[in-house]
Amino acid sequence: NIALVPLTGIPLPFISYGGTSLLFLMAGIGILLNISKQANLEH
């Protein structure tokens, strides 16, 4: 499983606090929250 997914290019959330990984983490959380919010509004 580790061979299929190299950990070098994947920033781990809450572990690597680099500016870029933190930015992508916050963007991903925002997108997921937006999707769940839109899904809740439709139902």
N, C-alpha and C. Protein backbone atom coordinates (compact mmCIF):
# COMPACT_ATOMS: atom_id res chain seq x y z
N ASN A 1 0.84 -1.20 0.00
CA ASN A 1 0.00 0.00 0.00
C ASN A 1 0.87 1.25 0.00
N ILE A 2 1.98 1.21 0.71
CA ILE A 2 2.89 2.35 0.73
C ILE A 2 3.55 2.52 -0.63
N ALA A 3 3.79 1.40 -1.32
CA ALA A 3 4.43 1.48 -2.63
C ALA A 3 3.49 2.10 -3.66
N LEU A 4 2.20 1.89 -3.51
CA LEU A 4 1.24 2.44 -4.47
C LEU A 4 1.05 3.94 -4.26
N VAL A 5 1.14 4.39 -3.02
CA VAL A 5 0.93 5.80 -2.71
C VAL A 5 2.21 6.37 -2.11
N PRO A 6 3.02 7.05 -2.91
CA PRO A 6 4.24 7.63 -2.35
C PRO A 6 3.91 8.80 -1.43
N LEU A 7 4.55 8.83 -0.27
CA LEU A 7 4.25 9.87 0.71
C LEU A 7 5.09 11.12 0.50
N THR A 8 5.94 11.12 -0.53
CA THR A 8 6.83 12.27 -0.71
C THR A 8 6.07 13.48 -1.22
N GLY A 9 5.13 13.28 -2.16
CA GLY A 9 4.43 14.41 -2.76
C GLY A 9 3.11 14.71 -2.11
N ILE A 10 2.74 13.93 -1.10
CA ILE A 10 1.43 14.11 -0.47
C ILE A 10 1.61 14.76 0.89
N PRO A 11 1.15 15.98 1.07
CA PRO A 11 1.26 16.61 2.39
C PRO A 11 0.26 15.99 3.36
N LEU A 12 0.72 15.58 4.51
CA LEU A 12 -0.16 14.98 5.50
C LEU A 12 -0.80 16.09 6.34
N PRO A 13 -2.12 16.09 6.45
CA PRO A 13 -2.78 17.15 7.23
C PRO A 13 -2.42 17.05 8.70
N PHE A 14 -2.23 18.20 9.33
CA PHE A 14 -1.93 18.34 10.76
C PHE A 14 -0.57 17.76 11.14
N ILE A 15 0.21 17.29 10.17
CA ILE A 15 1.55 16.77 10.48
C ILE A 15 2.59 17.70 9.88
N SER A 16 2.48 17.95 8.58
CA SER A 16 3.42 18.88 7.94
C SER A 16 2.77 20.26 7.93
N TYR A 17 3.37 21.20 8.62
CA TYR A 17 2.80 22.54 8.73
C TYR A 17 3.44 23.51 7.76
N GLY A 18 3.77 23.03 6.57
CA GLY A 18 4.27 23.93 5.54
C GLY A 18 3.16 24.85 5.08
N GLY A 19 3.52 26.00 4.55
CA GLY A 19 2.51 26.96 4.11
C GLY A 19 1.65 26.41 3.00
N THR A 20 2.26 25.70 2.05
CA THR A 20 1.50 25.18 0.91
C THR A 20 0.55 24.08 1.34
N SER A 21 1.03 23.15 2.16
CA SER A 21 0.17 22.05 2.58
C SER A 21 -0.97 22.55 3.46
N LEU A 22 -0.68 23.55 4.30
CA LEU A 22 -1.72 24.11 5.14
C LEU A 22 -2.77 24.83 4.29
N LEU A 23 -2.31 25.52 3.23
CA LEU A 23 -3.22 26.21 2.34
C LEU A 23 -4.14 25.22 1.63
N PHE A 24 -3.54 24.13 1.09
CA PHE A 24 -4.36 23.14 0.40
C PHE A 24 -5.29 22.41 1.37
N LEU A 25 -4.84 22.22 2.61
CA LEU A 25 -5.68 21.57 3.61
C LEU A 25 -6.90 22.44 3.91
N MET A 26 -6.69 23.73 4.12
CA MET A 26 -7.80 24.63 4.40
C MET A 26 -8.75 24.75 3.21
N ALA A 27 -8.18 24.76 1.99
CA ALA A 27 -9.01 24.82 0.79
C ALA A 27 -9.85 23.56 0.67
N GLY A 28 -9.25 22.41 0.94
CA GLY A 28 -9.99 21.15 0.85
C GLY A 28 -11.10 21.08 1.88
N ILE A 29 -10.82 21.52 3.10
CA ILE A 29 -11.85 21.52 4.14
C ILE A 29 -12.98 22.48 3.75
N GLY A 30 -12.63 23.62 3.20
CA GLY A 30 -13.65 24.58 2.78
C GLY A 30 -14.53 24.04 1.67
N ILE A 31 -13.92 23.35 0.71
CA ILE A 31 -14.69 22.77 -0.39
C ILE A 31 -15.62 21.68 0.13
N LEU A 32 -15.11 20.83 1.02
CA LEU A 32 -15.95 19.76 1.57
C LEU A 32 -17.11 20.33 2.38
N LEU A 33 -16.84 21.38 3.16
CA LEU A 33 -17.91 22.00 3.94
C LEU A 33 -18.95 22.66 3.02
N ASN A 34 -18.47 23.26 1.93
CA ASN A 34 -19.38 23.90 0.99
C ASN A 34 -20.27 22.87 0.31
N ILE A 35 -19.68 21.72 -0.07
CA ILE A 35 -20.46 20.67 -0.72
C ILE A 35 -21.51 20.11 0.25
N SER A 36 -21.11 19.87 1.49
CA SER A 36 -22.07 19.32 2.45
C SER A 36 -23.16 20.34 2.77
N LYS A 37 -22.79 21.62 2.79
CA LYS A 37 -23.78 22.66 3.06
C LYS A 37 -24.79 22.75 1.92
N GLN A 38 -24.30 22.68 0.67
CA GLN A 38 -25.20 22.71 -0.47
C GLN A 38 -26.11 21.49 -0.49
N ALA A 39 -25.57 20.32 -0.13
CA ALA A 39 -26.38 19.10 -0.12
C ALA A 39 -27.46 19.19 0.95
N ASN A 40 -27.16 19.80 2.09
CA ASN A 40 -28.15 19.93 3.15
C ASN A 40 -29.23 20.94 2.78
N LEU A 41 -28.89 21.95 1.99
CA LEU A 41 -29.88 22.94 1.59
C LEU A 41 -30.86 22.37 0.58
N GLU A 42 -30.41 21.42 -0.25
CA GLU A 42 -31.29 20.86 -1.28
C GLU A 42 -32.33 19.92 -0.68
N HIS A 43 -32.00 19.23 0.40
CA HIS A 43 -32.93 18.24 0.95
C HIS A 43 -33.85 18.88 1.95
